[in-house]
C-alpha atoms as a PDB file:
ATOM      1  CA  MET A   1     -97.285-165.204  22.593  1.00  0.00           C
ATOM      2  CA  ASP A   2     -96.140-166.452  19.226  1.00  0.00           C
ATOM      3  CA  THR A   3     -95.228-170.034  18.565  1.00  0.00           C
ATOM      4  CA  ALA A   4     -92.235-171.284  16.627  1.00  0.00           C
ATOM      5  CA  ALA A   5     -91.599-169.865  13.179  1.00  0.00           C
ATOM      6  CA  ALA A   6     -93.484-171.477  10.302  1.00  0.00           C
ATOM      7  CA  ALA A   7     -92.886-171.739   6.578  1.00  0.00           C
ATOM      8  CA  ALA A   8     -94.160-168.602   4.847  1.00  0.00           C
ATOM      9  CA  PRO A   9     -97.155-169.204   2.547  1.00  0.00           C
ATOM     10  CA  ILE A  10     -96.159-166.426   0.129  1.00  0.00           C
ATOM     11  CA  ASP A  11     -98.727-165.842  -2.608  1.00  0.00           C
ATOM     12  CA  PRO A  12     -96.902-165.935  -5.977  1.00  0.00           C
ATOM     13  CA  SER A  13     -99.374-163.378  -7.357  1.00  0.00           C
ATOM     14  CA  TRP A  14     -98.148-160.698  -4.927  1.00  0.00           C
ATOM     15  CA  PRO A  15     -95.819-158.007  -6.332  1.00  0.00           C
ATOM     16  CA  GLU A  16     -92.182-159.040  -6.630  1.00  0.00           C
ATOM     17  CA  ASN A  17     -91.063-156.200  -4.349  1.00  0.00           C
ATOM     18  CA  LEU A  18     -93.361-157.435  -1.594  1.00  0.00           C
ATOM     19  CA  ARG A  19     -92.230-161.037  -1.984  1.00  0.00           C
ATOM     20  CA  SER A  20     -88.615-159.895  -1.806  1.00  0.00           C
ATOM     21  CA  LEU A  21     -89.320-158.006   1.432  1.00  0.00           C
ATOM     22  CA  LEU A  22     -91.064-161.038   2.939  1.00  0.00           C
ATOM     23  CA  GLU A  23     -87.937-163.102   2.377  1.00  0.00           C
ATOM     24  CA  ARG A  24     -86.006-160.613   4.531  1.00  0.00           C
ATOM     25  CA  GLY A  25     -88.478-160.788   7.410  1.00  0.00           C
ATOM     26  CA  GLN A  26     -88.911-163.308  10.195  1.00  0.00           C
ATOM     27  CA  THR A  27     -91.963-165.522   9.746  1.00  0.00           C
ATOM     28  CA  ARG A  28     -94.033-166.106  12.864  1.00  0.00           C
ATOM     29  CA  ARG A  29     -97.215-168.028  13.631  1.00  0.00           C
ATOM     30  CA  TYR A  30     -99.563-166.539  16.223  1.00  0.00           C
ATOM     31  CA  ARG A  31    -102.455-168.131  18.060  1.00  0.00           C
ATOM     32  CA  LYS A  32    -105.960-166.664  17.939  1.00  0.00           C
ATOM     33  CA  GLY A  33    -106.275-163.810  20.425  1.00  0.00           C
ATOM     34  CA  THR A  34    -102.596-162.792  20.344  1.00  0.00           C
ATOM     35  CA  LEU A  35    -102.026-159.061  20.762  1.00  0.00           C
ATOM     36  CA  LEU A  36     -99.496-158.150  18.082  1.00  0.00           C
ATOM     37  CA  ILE A  37     -99.474-154.400  18.686  1.00  0.00           C
ATOM     38  CA  GLN A  38    -100.452-152.413  21.780  1.00  0.00           C
ATOM     39  CA  GLU A  39    -101.694-148.881  21.205  1.00  0.00           C
ATOM     40  CA  GLY A  40     -99.321-146.309  22.698  1.00  0.00           C
ATOM     41  CA  ASP A  41     -96.267-148.577  22.686  1.00  0.00           C
ATOM     42  CA  VAL A  42     -93.193-147.541  20.742  1.00  0.00           C
ATOM     43  CA  GLY A  43     -92.222-150.097  18.103  1.00  0.00           C
ATOM     44  CA  ASP A  44     -90.119-150.384  15.000  1.00  0.00           C
ATOM     45  CA  THR A  45     -91.609-153.475  13.361  1.00  0.00           C
ATOM     46  CA  LEU A  46     -93.942-153.932  10.424  1.00  0.00           C
ATOM     47  CA  PHE A  47     -96.274-156.945  10.367  1.00  0.00           C
ATOM     48  CA  ILE A  48     -97.264-158.350   6.964  1.00  0.00           C
ATOM     49  CA  VAL A  49    -100.122-160.863   7.124  1.00  0.00           C
ATOM     50  CA  LEU A  50     -99.394-164.049   5.183  1.00  0.00           C
ATOM     51  CA  SER A  51    -102.422-166.042   6.334  1.00  0.00           C
ATOM     52  CA  GLY A  52    -105.227-165.569   8.849  1.00  0.00           C
ATOM     53  CA  ARG A  53    -106.968-162.352   9.946  1.00  0.00           C
ATOM     54  CA  VAL A  54    -106.262-159.554  12.404  1.00  0.00           C
ATOM     55  CA  LYS A  55    -108.271-156.665  13.846  1.00  0.00           C
ATOM     56  CA  SER A  56    -107.098-153.087  14.382  1.00  0.00           C
ATOM     57  CA  PHE A  57    -108.874-151.314  17.256  1.00  0.00           C
ATOM     58  CA  SER A  58    -108.760-148.875  20.163  1.00  0.00           C
ATOM     59  CA  THR A  59    -110.361-149.006  23.613  1.00  0.00           C
ATOM     60  CA  ASP A  60    -111.060-146.301  26.181  1.00  0.00           C
ATOM     61  CA  GLU A  61    -110.830-146.379  29.968  1.00  0.00           C
ATOM     62  CA  ARG A  62    -114.322-147.943  30.116  1.00  0.00           C
ATOM     63  CA  ASP A  63    -113.247-150.747  27.737  1.00  0.00           C
ATOM     64  CA  ARG A  64    -115.466-149.430  24.960  1.00  0.00           C
ATOM     65  CA  GLU A  65    -114.010-150.578  21.665  1.00  0.00           C
ATOM     66  CA  VAL A  66    -113.759-148.910  18.271  1.00  0.00           C
ATOM     67  CA  VAL A  67    -112.716-151.164  15.400  1.00  0.00           C
ATOM     68  CA  TYR A  68    -110.835-149.568  12.521  1.00  0.00           C
ATOM     69  CA  GLY A  69    -110.804-152.623  10.307  1.00  0.00           C
ATOM     70  CA  THR A  70    -110.029-156.298   9.841  1.00  0.00           C
ATOM     71  CA  TYR A  71    -107.159-157.361   7.591  1.00  0.00           C
ATOM     72  CA  GLY A  72    -106.045-160.520   5.834  1.00  0.00           C
ATOM     73  CA  PRO A  73    -103.229-161.837   3.631  1.00  0.00           C
ATOM     74  CA  GLY A  74    -101.090-159.204   1.932  1.00  0.00           C
ATOM     75  CA  GLU A  75    -102.016-156.405   4.357  1.00  0.00           C
ATOM     76  CA  TYR A  76     -99.452-154.434   6.388  1.00  0.00           C
ATOM     77  CA  LEU A  77     -99.898-153.471  10.044  1.00  0.00           C
ATOM     78  CA  GLY A  78     -97.703-151.171  12.080  1.00  0.00           C
ATOM     79  CA  GLU A  79     -96.424-148.917   9.314  1.00  0.00           C
ATOM     80  CA  MET A  80     -97.659-145.780  11.088  1.00  0.00           C
ATOM     81  CA  SER A  81     -95.054-146.195  13.845  1.00  0.00           C
ATOM     82  CA  LEU A  82     -92.070-146.570  11.525  1.00  0.00           C
ATOM     83  CA  ASP A  83     -91.375-142.866  12.121  1.00  0.00           C
ATOM     84  CA  GLY A  84     -90.402-143.747  15.692  1.00  0.00           C
ATOM     85  CA  GLY A  85     -93.676-142.539  17.218  1.00  0.00           C
ATOM     86  CA  PRO A  86     -96.097-144.534  19.395  1.00  0.00           C
ATOM     87  CA  ARG A  87     -98.458-147.119  17.947  1.00  0.00           C
ATOM     88  CA  SER A  88    -101.709-145.470  16.863  1.00  0.00           C
ATOM     89  CA  ALA A  89    -103.904-148.562  17.416  1.00  0.00           C
ATOM     90  CA  SER A  90    -103.857-152.070  18.843  1.00  0.00           C
ATOM     91  CA  VAL A  91    -103.858-155.162  16.620  1.00  0.00           C
ATOM     92  CA  ILE A  92    -105.053-158.626  17.677  1.00  0.00           C
ATOM     93  CA  THR A  93    -105.327-161.905  15.777  1.00  0.00           C
ATOM     94  CA  LEU A  94    -108.865-163.129  15.059  1.00  0.00           C
ATOM     95  CA  GLU A  95    -107.672-166.633  14.161  1.00  0.00           C
ATOM     96  CA  THR A  96    -104.391-168.499  13.828  1.00  0.00           C
ATOM     97  CA  THR A  97    -102.293-166.065  11.799  1.00  0.00           C
ATOM     98  CA  VAL A  98     -98.897-166.182  10.106  1.00  0.00           C
ATOM     99  CA  CYS A  99     -97.022-162.883   9.682  1.00  0.00           C
ATOM    100  CA  ALA A 100     -93.689-161.774   8.315  1.00  0.00           C
ATOM    101  CA  VAL A 101     -92.152-159.429  10.891  1.00  0.00           C
ATOM    102  CA  VAL A 102     -89.913-156.768   9.366  1.00  0.00           C
ATOM    103  CA  THR A 103     -87.819-154.295  11.365  1.00  0.00           C
ATOM    104  CA  ARG A 104     -87.381-150.659  10.390  1.00  0.00           C
ATOM    105  CA  LYS A 105     -83.689-151.365   9.636  1.00  0.00           C
ATOM    106  CA  THR A 106     -84.623-154.211   7.281  1.00  0.00           C
ATOM    107  CA  LEU A 107     -87.275-152.084   5.596  1.00  0.00           C
ATOM    108  CA  ARG A 108     -84.773-149.277   5.013  1.00  0.00           C
ATOM    109  CA  GLU A 109     -82.313-151.714   3.449  1.00  0.00           C
ATOM    110  CA  HIS A 110     -85.061-153.085   1.209  1.00  0.00           C
ATOM    111  CA  ILE A 111     -86.161-149.617   0.084  1.00  0.00           C
ATOM    112  CA  ALA A 112     -82.542-148.637  -0.601  1.00  0.00           C
ATOM    113  CA  GLU A 113     -82.269-151.583  -2.996  1.00  0.00           C
ATOM    114  CA  ASN A 114     -85.849-151.274  -4.307  1.00  0.00           C
ATOM    115  CA  PRO A 115     -86.776-147.547  -4.202  1.00  0.00           C
ATOM    116  CA  GLU A 116     -90.076-148.110  -5.994  1.00  0.00           C
ATOM    117  CA  PHE A 117     -91.324-150.053  -2.971  1.00  0.00           C
ATOM    118  CA  ALA A 118     -91.411-146.755  -1.037  1.00  0.00           C
ATOM    119  CA  PHE A 119     -94.218-145.615  -3.364  1.00  0.00           C
ATOM    120  CA  GLU A 120     -96.139-148.848  -2.784  1.00  0.00           C
ATOM    121  CA  LEU A 121     -95.870-148.365   0.979  1.00  0.00           C
ATOM    122  CA  LEU A 122     -96.824-144.694   0.690  1.00  0.00           C
ATOM    123  CA  ALA A 123     -99.858-145.563  -1.457  1.00  0.00           C
ATOM    124  CA  ARG A 124    -101.048-147.974   1.219  1.00  0.00           C
ATOM    125  CA  VAL A 125    -100.607-145.382   3.979  1.00  0.00           C
ATOM    126  CA  ILE A 126    -102.534-142.823   1.899  1.00  0.00           C
ATOM    127  CA  ARG A 127    -105.348-145.323   1.331  1.00  0.00           C
ATOM    128  CA  ARG A 128    -105.592-145.955   5.086  1.00  0.00           C
ATOM    129  CA  ALA A 129    -105.645-142.186   5.712  1.00  0.00           C
ATOM    130  CA  ARG A 130    -108.464-141.736   3.198  1.00  0.00           C
ATOM    131  CA  LEU A 131    -110.473-144.496   4.839  1.00  0.00           C
ATOM    132  CA  ALA A 132    -109.920-142.884   8.240  1.00  0.00           C
ATOM    133  CA  THR A 133    -111.071-139.530   6.851  1.00  0.00           C
ATOM    134  CA  GLN A 134    -114.177-141.127   5.368  1.00  0.00           C
ATOM    135  CA  SER A 135    -114.906-142.901   8.643  1.00  0.00           C
ATOM    136  CA  THR A 136    -114.597-139.646  10.599  1.00  0.00           C
ATOM    137  CA  ARG A 137    -116.865-137.894   8.091  1.00  0.00           C
ATOM    138  CA  ASN A 138    -119.467-140.662   8.395  1.00  0.00           C
ATOM    139  CA  MET A 139    -119.384-140.524  12.197  1.00  0.00           C
ATOM    140  CA  ALA A 140    -119.921-136.760  12.129  1.00  0.00           C
ATOM    141  CA  LEU A 141    -122.452-136.418   9.315  1.00  0.00           C
ATOM    142  CA  LEU A 142    -124.391-139.689   9.034  1.00  0.00           C
ATOM    143  CA  ASP A 143    -126.908-141.259  11.357  1.00  0.00           C
ATOM    144  CA  VAL A 144    -126.453-144.846  12.604  1.00  0.00           C
ATOM    145  CA  TYR A 145    -128.209-146.371   9.609  1.00  0.00           C
ATOM    146  CA  GLY A 146    -126.138-144.274   7.206  1.00  0.00           C
ATOM    147  CA  ARG A 147    -122.908-145.449   8.862  1.00  0.00           C
ATOM    148  CA  LEU A 148    -124.042-149.083   8.818  1.00  0.00           C
ATOM    149  CA  ALA A 149    -125.084-148.906   5.155  1.00  0.00           C
ATOM    150  CA  ALA A 150    -121.737-147.304   4.232  1.00  0.00           C
ATOM    151  CA  LEU A 151    -119.834-150.064   6.048  1.00  0.00           C
ATOM    152  CA  LEU A 152    -121.841-152.866   4.421  1.00  0.00           C
ATOM    153  CA  ALA A 153    -121.275-151.290   1.017  1.00  0.00           C
ATOM    154  CA  GLU A 154    -117.539-151.059   1.725  1.00  0.00           C
ATOM    155  CA  LEU A 155    -117.315-154.724   2.753  1.00  0.00           C
ATOM    156  CA  ALA A 156    -119.418-156.109  -0.120  1.00  0.00           C
ATOM    157  CA  GLU A 157    -117.742-157.420  -3.281  1.00  0.00           C
ATOM    158  CA  PRO A 158    -119.584-157.146  -6.639  1.00  0.00           C
ATOM    159  CA  GLN A 159    -120.713-160.446  -8.160  1.00  0.00           C
ATOM    160  CA  ALA A 160    -121.180-161.414 -11.812  1.00  0.00           C
ATOM    161  CA  ASP A 161    -124.988-161.390 -11.468  1.00  0.00           C
ATOM    162  CA  GLY A 162    -125.052-157.794 -10.220  1.00  0.00           C
ATOM    163  CA  THR A 163    -125.473-158.649  -6.550  1.00  0.00           C
ATOM    164  CA  ARG A 164    -122.847-157.908  -3.888  1.00  0.00           C
ATOM    165  CA  LEU A 165    -121.471-160.392  -1.361  1.00  0.00           C
ATOM    166  CA  ILE A 166    -119.907-159.993   2.079  1.00  0.00           C
ATOM    167  CA  ALA A 167    -118.029-163.294   2.171  1.00  0.00           C
ATOM    168  CA  GLU A 168    -117.564-163.499   5.928  1.00  0.00           C
ATOM    169  CA  ARG A 169    -120.428-162.358   8.067  1.00  0.00           C
ATOM    170  CA  LEU A 170    -119.398-160.120  10.959  1.00  0.00           C
ATOM    171  CA  THR A 171    -121.204-160.378  14.281  1.00  0.00           C
ATOM    172  CA  HIS A 172    -123.582-157.577  15.202  1.00  0.00           C
ATOM    173  CA  ALA A 173    -121.202-156.649  18.029  1.00  0.00           C
ATOM    174  CA  ALA A 174    -118.339-156.293  15.535  1.00  0.00           C
ATOM    175  CA  LEU A 175    -120.469-154.152  13.221  1.00  0.00           C
ATOM    176  CA  ALA A 176    -121.530-151.981  16.168  1.00  0.00           C
ATOM    177  CA  ALA A 177    -117.886-151.401  17.090  1.00  0.00           C
ATOM    178  CA  ARG A 178    -117.169-150.306  13.527  1.00  0.00           C
ATOM    179  CA  VAL A 179    -120.047-147.806  13.286  1.00  0.00           C
ATOM    180  CA  GLY A 180    -120.038-146.510  16.864  1.00  0.00           C
ATOM    181  CA  CYS A 181    -123.402-147.615  18.235  1.00  0.00           C
ATOM    182  CA  SER A 182    -124.965-150.353  20.374  1.00  0.00           C
ATOM    183  CA  ARG A 183    -125.218-153.982  19.289  1.00  0.00           C
ATOM    184  CA  GLU A 184    -128.976-153.800  19.847  1.00  0.00           C
ATOM    185  CA  MET A 185    -129.279-150.958  17.337  1.00  0.00           C
ATOM    186  CA  VAL A 186    -127.337-152.897  14.699  1.00  0.00           C
ATOM    187  CA  SER A 187    -129.426-156.031  15.326  1.00  0.00           C
ATOM    188  CA  ARG A 188    -132.633-154.075  14.847  1.00  0.00           C
ATOM    189  CA  LEU A 189    -131.441-152.450  11.603  1.00  0.00           C
ATOM    190  CA  MET A 190    -130.064-155.711  10.181  1.00  0.00           C
ATOM    191  CA  LYS A 191    -133.342-157.501  10.930  1.00  0.00           C
ATOM    192  CA  ASP A 192    -135.296-154.718   9.206  1.00  0.00           C
ATOM    193  CA  LEU A 193    -133.026-154.906   6.132  1.00  0.00           C
ATOM    194  CA  GLU A 194    -133.448-158.680   5.969  1.00  0.00           C
ATOM    195  CA  ARG A 195    -137.230-158.342   6.194  1.00  0.00           C
ATOM    196  CA  GLY A 196    -137.110-155.763   3.388  1.00  0.00           C
ATOM    197  CA  GLY A 197    -135.149-158.154   1.155  1.00  0.00           C
ATOM    198  CA  TYR A 198    -131.992-156.025   1.146  1.00  0.00           C
ATOM    199  CA  LEU A 199    -129.892-158.622   2.983  1.00  0.00           C
ATOM    200  CA  VAL A 200    -129.933-162.401   2.557  1.00  0.00           C
ATOM    201  CA  THR A 201    -127.884-164.856   4.590  1.00  0.00           C
ATOM    202  CA  GLN A 202    -125.763-167.002   2.287  1.00  0.00           C
ATOM    203  CA  GLY A 203    -123.619-169.594   4.037  1.00  0.00           C
ATOM    204  CA  ARG A 204    -121.309-167.722   6.385  1.00  0.00           C
ATOM    205  CA  GLY A 205    -121.773-164.519   4.434  1.00  0.00           C
ATOM    206  CA  LEU A 206    -124.351-161.915   3.506  1.00  0.00           C
ATOM    207  CA  LEU A 207    -125.753-161.279   0.041  1.00  0.00           C
ATOM    208  CA  LEU A 208    -126.937-157.811  -0.964  1.00  0.00           C
ATOM    209  CA  PRO A 209    -129.320-158.563  -3.858  1.00  0.00           C
ATOM    210  CA  ARG A 210    -130.064-154.867  -4.495  1.00  0.00           C
ATOM    211  CA  PRO A 211    -128.708-151.479  -3.419  1.00  0.00           C
ATOM    212  CA  LEU A 212    -129.402-150.510   0.171  1.00  0.00           C
ATOM    213  CA  PRO A 213    -131.839-147.614   0.590  1.00  0.00           C
ATOM    214  CA  SER A 214    -130.268-144.217   1.222  1.00  0.00           C
ATOM    215  CA  HIS A 215    -132.451-143.676   4.296  1.00  0.00           C
ATOM    216  CA  TRP A 216    -134.213-145.957   6.764  1.00  0.00           C
END
């Protein structure tokens, strides 16, 4: 359950259209572990993360979990159900999170006054669709190592010295859920990459000092 509304920490660097939409929404603070969206439910709200992190995922009847991604400030969740259809995935908070909650009616009013925002929303939906397509391709065509290497490369941010950094280190269980394999398999591959000098623990994150090998 969400707690009382909190002041919205709106980043002044965000696009003006987004900041204008946030002012129309209702700001809510959620505790860690709060289920914001339940897969299969019908909803008409868009969640925009202002602070904190959330996870998008699905589970099957055996409680096996597939994680589609983790999202932080400035990301939208729930846009796929704005057509009136059921939610395509569940979303849960990974830490205390503040969101602006926007209804479909409010979003329509905002787009009517700011038509260019429709293109921004569409671009984000297209980007998610491309990532989903790439993920499906990887699951079908790559082995476990190939999927893990692709995910690490996606998460890593280039640094000035030519290395790449994953700022927040995911657990092996979380990585396994993202690539569709066992935690033990991920642990074994990560240990091998660390021994080979491809991964280095740096604080809470992981440093990739050189490109990961194409095969393992």
